[in-house]
Amino acid sequence: MQSDFQTLISKTISPSGVSPSVKKNLRVNESTVNIMTVNTNKDLTGTQSLLEFFLVSLSKHFSLTPKQSVALLSNNFKYLAHLLAKGLKGVFEPIVYWYKD
């Protein structure tokens, strides 16, 4: 049996994820970055925003997916700070190359 909350959500959200009334009012900013479509092979000078710059840079140098790079930037950069302090599995060469790039 569904709870009231689940029933409300199922009525509000269409199968595509967003109800048509909400989709109509949603405006996508041109400077948004879709992490599912970020090209990690892109040259850093060709990035369009600072967020895209960091996602491409982190993904390229640490062999991460863009989704994993976003996770490094979450929680007030706590995970990124840990990575920079402790290295990538104890290896600091990728970090040094990231700084140089």
N, C-alpha and C. Protein backbone atom coordinates (compact mmCIF):
# COMPACT_ATOMS: atom_id res chain seq x y z
N MET A 1 0.84 -1.18 0.00
CA MET A 1 0.00 0.00 0.00
C MET A 1 0.88 1.25 0.00
N GLN A 2 0.52 2.19 -0.85
CA GLN A 2 1.30 3.41 -0.95
C GLN A 2 0.93 4.39 0.15
N SER A 3 1.94 5.12 0.60
CA SER A 3 1.67 6.17 1.58
C SER A 3 1.07 7.38 0.86
N ASP A 4 0.56 8.32 1.62
CA ASP A 4 -0.01 9.53 1.04
C ASP A 4 1.03 10.29 0.24
N PHE A 5 2.26 10.29 0.74
CA PHE A 5 3.34 11.01 0.07
C PHE A 5 3.63 10.38 -1.29
N GLN A 6 3.73 9.05 -1.34
CA GLN A 6 3.99 8.36 -2.60
C GLN A 6 2.86 8.58 -3.60
N THR A 7 1.64 8.60 -3.12
CA THR A 7 0.50 8.84 -3.98
C THR A 7 0.56 10.25 -4.56
N LEU A 8 0.87 11.22 -3.72
CA LEU A 8 0.98 12.60 -4.18
C LEU A 8 2.08 12.73 -5.22
N ILE A 9 3.23 12.11 -4.96
CA ILE A 9 4.34 12.18 -5.91
C ILE A 9 3.97 11.52 -7.23
N SER A 10 3.34 10.37 -7.18
CA SER A 10 2.98 9.67 -8.42
C SER A 10 1.97 10.48 -9.23
N LYS A 11 1.11 11.25 -8.58
CA LYS A 11 0.15 12.09 -9.29
C LYS A 11 0.82 13.35 -9.85
N THR A 12 1.85 13.85 -9.14
CA THR A 12 2.49 15.09 -9.53
C THR A 12 3.52 14.89 -10.64
N ILE A 13 4.28 13.81 -10.54
CA ILE A 13 5.37 13.60 -11.48
C ILE A 13 4.92 12.65 -12.57
N SER A 14 5.11 13.09 -13.79
CA SER A 14 4.78 12.24 -14.93
C SER A 14 5.91 11.24 -15.15
N PRO A 15 5.72 10.25 -15.99
CA PRO A 15 6.77 9.26 -16.23
C PRO A 15 8.08 9.87 -16.72
N SER A 16 8.04 11.01 -17.37
CA SER A 16 9.27 11.63 -17.85
C SER A 16 10.04 12.30 -16.73
N GLY A 17 9.48 12.39 -15.54
CA GLY A 17 10.20 12.95 -14.40
C GLY A 17 9.69 14.30 -13.95
N VAL A 18 9.11 15.06 -14.85
CA VAL A 18 8.63 16.40 -14.50
C VAL A 18 7.23 16.56 -15.07
N SER A 19 6.33 17.07 -14.25
CA SER A 19 4.96 17.26 -14.74
C SER A 19 4.94 18.33 -15.83
N PRO A 20 4.02 18.23 -16.77
CA PRO A 20 3.96 19.21 -17.87
C PRO A 20 3.78 20.64 -17.39
N SER A 21 3.03 20.85 -16.31
CA SER A 21 2.84 22.22 -15.83
C SER A 21 4.13 22.80 -15.28
N VAL A 22 4.93 21.96 -14.65
CA VAL A 22 6.22 22.44 -14.14
C VAL A 22 7.20 22.63 -15.28
N LYS A 23 7.19 21.70 -16.24
CA LYS A 23 8.11 21.77 -17.38
C LYS A 23 7.88 23.06 -18.17
N LYS A 24 6.61 23.48 -18.27
CA LYS A 24 6.28 24.68 -19.01
C LYS A 24 6.91 25.92 -18.35
N ASN A 25 6.95 25.92 -17.02
CA ASN A 25 7.48 27.07 -16.29
C ASN A 25 8.99 26.98 -16.06
N LEU A 26 9.58 25.84 -16.38
CA LEU A 26 11.02 25.67 -16.19
C LEU A 26 11.78 26.35 -17.31
N ARG A 27 12.73 27.13 -16.95
CA ARG A 27 13.60 27.76 -17.94
C ARG A 27 15.01 27.30 -17.68
N VAL A 28 15.65 26.77 -18.68
CA VAL A 28 17.02 26.29 -18.52
C VAL A 28 17.96 27.44 -18.86
N ASN A 29 18.81 27.77 -17.91
CA ASN A 29 19.79 28.80 -18.12
C ASN A 29 20.82 28.30 -19.12
N GLU A 30 21.27 29.14 -20.02
CA GLU A 30 22.24 28.73 -21.03
C GLU A 30 23.59 28.39 -20.43
N SER A 31 23.85 28.84 -19.21
CA SER A 31 25.14 28.57 -18.59
C SER A 31 25.12 27.34 -17.70
N THR A 32 24.03 26.57 -17.73
CA THR A 32 23.98 25.36 -16.93
C THR A 32 24.84 24.27 -17.57
N VAL A 33 25.29 23.35 -16.74
CA VAL A 33 26.15 22.27 -17.22
C VAL A 33 25.44 20.95 -16.95
N ASN A 34 25.22 20.19 -17.99
CA ASN A 34 24.62 18.88 -17.84
C ASN A 34 25.76 17.88 -17.65
N ILE A 35 25.86 17.30 -16.45
CA ILE A 35 27.00 16.43 -16.16
C ILE A 35 26.96 15.14 -16.96
N MET A 36 25.81 14.79 -17.50
CA MET A 36 25.72 13.57 -18.30
C MET A 36 26.29 13.76 -19.70
N THR A 37 26.41 15.00 -20.15
CA THR A 37 26.88 15.25 -21.51
C THR A 37 28.20 16.01 -21.56
N VAL A 38 28.88 16.16 -20.44
CA VAL A 38 30.16 16.87 -20.42
C VAL A 38 31.20 16.05 -21.17
N ASN A 39 31.89 16.70 -22.09
CA ASN A 39 32.95 16.05 -22.86
C ASN A 39 34.25 16.20 -22.07
N THR A 40 34.72 15.10 -21.49
CA THR A 40 35.93 15.16 -20.65
C THR A 40 37.21 15.25 -21.48
N ASN A 41 37.10 15.06 -22.79
CA ASN A 41 38.28 15.19 -23.66
C ASN A 41 38.44 16.60 -24.20
N LYS A 42 37.54 17.49 -23.82
CA LYS A 42 37.56 18.87 -24.28
C LYS A 42 38.79 19.59 -23.73
N ASP A 43 39.34 20.49 -24.52
CA ASP A 43 40.45 21.33 -24.06
C ASP A 43 39.93 22.30 -23.01
N LEU A 44 40.72 22.56 -21.98
CA LEU A 44 40.26 23.42 -20.88
C LEU A 44 39.98 24.84 -21.35
N THR A 45 40.67 25.30 -22.39
CA THR A 45 40.42 26.65 -22.89
C THR A 45 39.08 26.75 -23.62
N GLY A 46 38.50 25.61 -23.98
CA GLY A 46 37.22 25.60 -24.69
C GLY A 46 36.01 25.46 -23.78
N THR A 47 36.22 25.41 -22.47
CA THR A 47 35.08 25.28 -21.56
C THR A 47 34.33 26.59 -21.46
N GLN A 48 33.04 26.49 -21.18
CA GLN A 48 32.17 27.67 -21.19
C GLN A 48 31.92 28.28 -19.81
N SER A 49 32.19 27.53 -18.74
CA SER A 49 31.94 28.05 -17.40
C SER A 49 33.00 27.50 -16.45
N LEU A 50 33.07 28.09 -15.30
CA LEU A 50 34.03 27.65 -14.29
C LEU A 50 33.71 26.24 -13.81
N LEU A 51 32.44 25.93 -13.66
CA LEU A 51 32.05 24.59 -13.24
C LEU A 51 32.47 23.56 -14.28
N GLU A 52 32.22 23.84 -15.54
CA GLU A 52 32.63 22.92 -16.61
C GLU A 52 34.15 22.77 -16.63
N PHE A 53 34.88 23.85 -16.39
CA PHE A 53 36.33 23.82 -16.32
C PHE A 53 36.80 22.83 -15.26
N PHE A 54 36.24 22.93 -14.05
CA PHE A 54 36.63 22.03 -12.97
C PHE A 54 36.22 20.59 -13.25
N LEU A 55 35.03 20.39 -13.80
CA LEU A 55 34.58 19.03 -14.10
C LEU A 55 35.48 18.36 -15.14
N VAL A 56 35.79 19.08 -16.20
CA VAL A 56 36.66 18.53 -17.24
C VAL A 56 38.06 18.29 -16.70
N SER A 57 38.55 19.24 -15.94
CA SER A 57 39.90 19.14 -15.38
C SER A 57 40.03 17.97 -14.41
N LEU A 58 39.12 17.86 -13.47
CA LEU A 58 39.16 16.77 -12.50
C LEU A 58 38.97 15.42 -13.18
N SER A 59 38.03 15.35 -14.11
CA SER A 59 37.76 14.10 -14.81
C SER A 59 38.97 13.64 -15.61
N LYS A 60 39.60 14.59 -16.27
CA LYS A 60 40.74 14.26 -17.13
C LYS A 60 41.95 13.79 -16.31
N HIS A 61 42.30 14.52 -15.29
CA HIS A 61 43.53 14.24 -14.55
C HIS A 61 43.41 13.09 -13.55
N PHE A 62 42.24 12.86 -13.03
CA PHE A 62 42.08 11.80 -12.03
C PHE A 62 41.33 10.59 -12.58
N SER A 63 41.09 10.56 -13.88
CA SER A 63 40.38 9.46 -14.56
C SER A 63 39.03 9.18 -13.89
N LEU A 64 38.24 10.23 -13.75
CA LEU A 64 36.92 10.13 -13.13
C LEU A 64 35.84 10.42 -14.15
N THR A 65 34.63 9.97 -13.85
CA THR A 65 33.49 10.38 -14.65
C THR A 65 33.06 11.77 -14.17
N PRO A 66 32.34 12.53 -14.98
CA PRO A 66 31.87 13.84 -14.51
C PRO A 66 31.03 13.74 -13.24
N LYS A 67 30.27 12.67 -13.11
CA LYS A 67 29.45 12.48 -11.92
C LYS A 67 30.32 12.32 -10.67
N GLN A 68 31.42 11.61 -10.80
CA GLN A 68 32.35 11.45 -9.69
C GLN A 68 33.05 12.78 -9.36
N SER A 69 33.32 13.57 -10.40
CA SER A 69 33.94 14.87 -10.18
C SER A 69 33.01 15.80 -9.41
N VAL A 70 31.72 15.73 -9.71
CA VAL A 70 30.75 16.52 -8.97
C VAL A 70 30.74 16.11 -7.50
N ALA A 71 30.86 14.81 -7.26
CA ALA A 71 30.88 14.31 -5.88
C ALA A 71 32.09 14.86 -5.12
N LEU A 72 33.22 15.03 -5.81
CA LEU A 72 34.40 15.62 -5.16
C LEU A 72 34.15 17.06 -4.74
N LEU A 73 33.31 17.75 -5.49
CA LEU A 73 33.03 19.16 -5.20
C LEU A 73 31.92 19.34 -4.17
N SER A 74 31.23 18.27 -3.81
CA SER A 74 30.14 18.39 -2.85
C SER A 74 30.66 18.44 -1.42
N ASN A 75 29.77 18.68 -0.49
CA ASN A 75 30.10 18.75 0.95
C ASN A 75 31.23 19.73 1.24
N ASN A 76 31.11 20.91 0.67
CA ASN A 76 32.07 21.99 0.94
C ASN A 76 33.50 21.59 0.56
N PHE A 77 33.64 20.87 -0.55
CA PHE A 77 34.94 20.46 -1.10
C PHE A 77 35.73 19.55 -0.15
N LYS A 78 35.04 18.92 0.78
CA LYS A 78 35.67 18.06 1.78
C LYS A 78 36.43 16.90 1.14
N TYR A 79 35.80 16.25 0.15
CA TYR A 79 36.43 15.10 -0.50
C TYR A 79 37.59 15.53 -1.39
N LEU A 80 37.46 16.66 -2.04
CA LEU A 80 38.56 17.17 -2.86
C LEU A 80 39.75 17.54 -1.98
N ALA A 81 39.50 18.17 -0.85
CA ALA A 81 40.58 18.52 0.07
C ALA A 81 41.29 17.26 0.59
N HIS A 82 40.52 16.23 0.87
CA HIS A 82 41.10 14.96 1.32
C HIS A 82 41.98 14.36 0.23
N LEU A 83 41.49 14.40 -1.01
CA LEU A 83 42.25 13.87 -2.14
C LEU A 83 43.56 14.64 -2.33
N LEU A 84 43.49 15.95 -2.20
CA LEU A 84 44.68 16.77 -2.40
C LEU A 84 45.69 16.58 -1.27
N ALA A 85 45.22 16.32 -0.07
CA ALA A 85 46.11 16.13 1.08
C ALA A 85 46.71 14.73 1.13
N LYS A 86 45.92 13.72 0.79
CA LYS A 86 46.37 12.33 0.94
C LYS A 86 46.83 11.69 -0.36
N GLY A 87 46.54 12.34 -1.48
CA GLY A 87 46.92 11.77 -2.76
C GLY A 87 45.86 10.83 -3.29
N LEU A 88 46.07 10.38 -4.50
CA LEU A 88 45.15 9.46 -5.15
C LEU A 88 45.70 8.06 -4.92
N LYS A 89 45.17 7.39 -3.90
CA LYS A 89 45.68 6.09 -3.44
C LYS A 89 47.16 6.18 -3.08
N GLY A 90 47.53 7.31 -2.47
CA GLY A 90 48.91 7.52 -2.03
C GLY A 90 49.84 8.04 -3.10
N VAL A 91 49.35 8.23 -4.29
CA VAL A 91 50.17 8.72 -5.41
C VAL A 91 49.84 10.19 -5.66
N PHE A 92 50.89 11.03 -5.75
CA PHE A 92 50.66 12.46 -5.89
C PHE A 92 50.93 13.00 -7.29
N GLU A 93 51.43 12.18 -8.20
CA GLU A 93 51.73 12.66 -9.56
C GLU A 93 50.50 13.23 -10.27
N PRO A 94 49.32 12.57 -10.22
CA PRO A 94 48.16 13.16 -10.89
C PRO A 94 47.78 14.53 -10.32
N ILE A 95 48.00 14.71 -9.03
CA ILE A 95 47.67 15.99 -8.40
C ILE A 95 48.63 17.07 -8.86
N VAL A 96 49.91 16.72 -8.95
CA VAL A 96 50.92 17.68 -9.42
C VAL A 96 50.62 18.08 -10.86
N TYR A 97 50.27 17.11 -11.72
CA TYR A 97 49.93 17.41 -13.12
C TYR A 97 48.66 18.25 -13.20
N TRP A 98 47.71 17.99 -12.31
CA TRP A 98 46.48 18.80 -12.27
C TRP A 98 46.79 20.24 -11.92
N TYR A 99 47.67 20.45 -10.94
CA TYR A 99 48.07 21.81 -10.56
C TYR A 99 48.77 22.51 -11.73
N LYS A 100 49.62 21.79 -12.43
CA LYS A 100 50.38 22.38 -13.54
C LYS A 100 49.48 22.75 -14.72
N ASP A 101 48.43 21.99 -14.90
CA ASP A 101 47.53 22.25 -16.03
C ASP A 101 46.68 23.46 -15.72
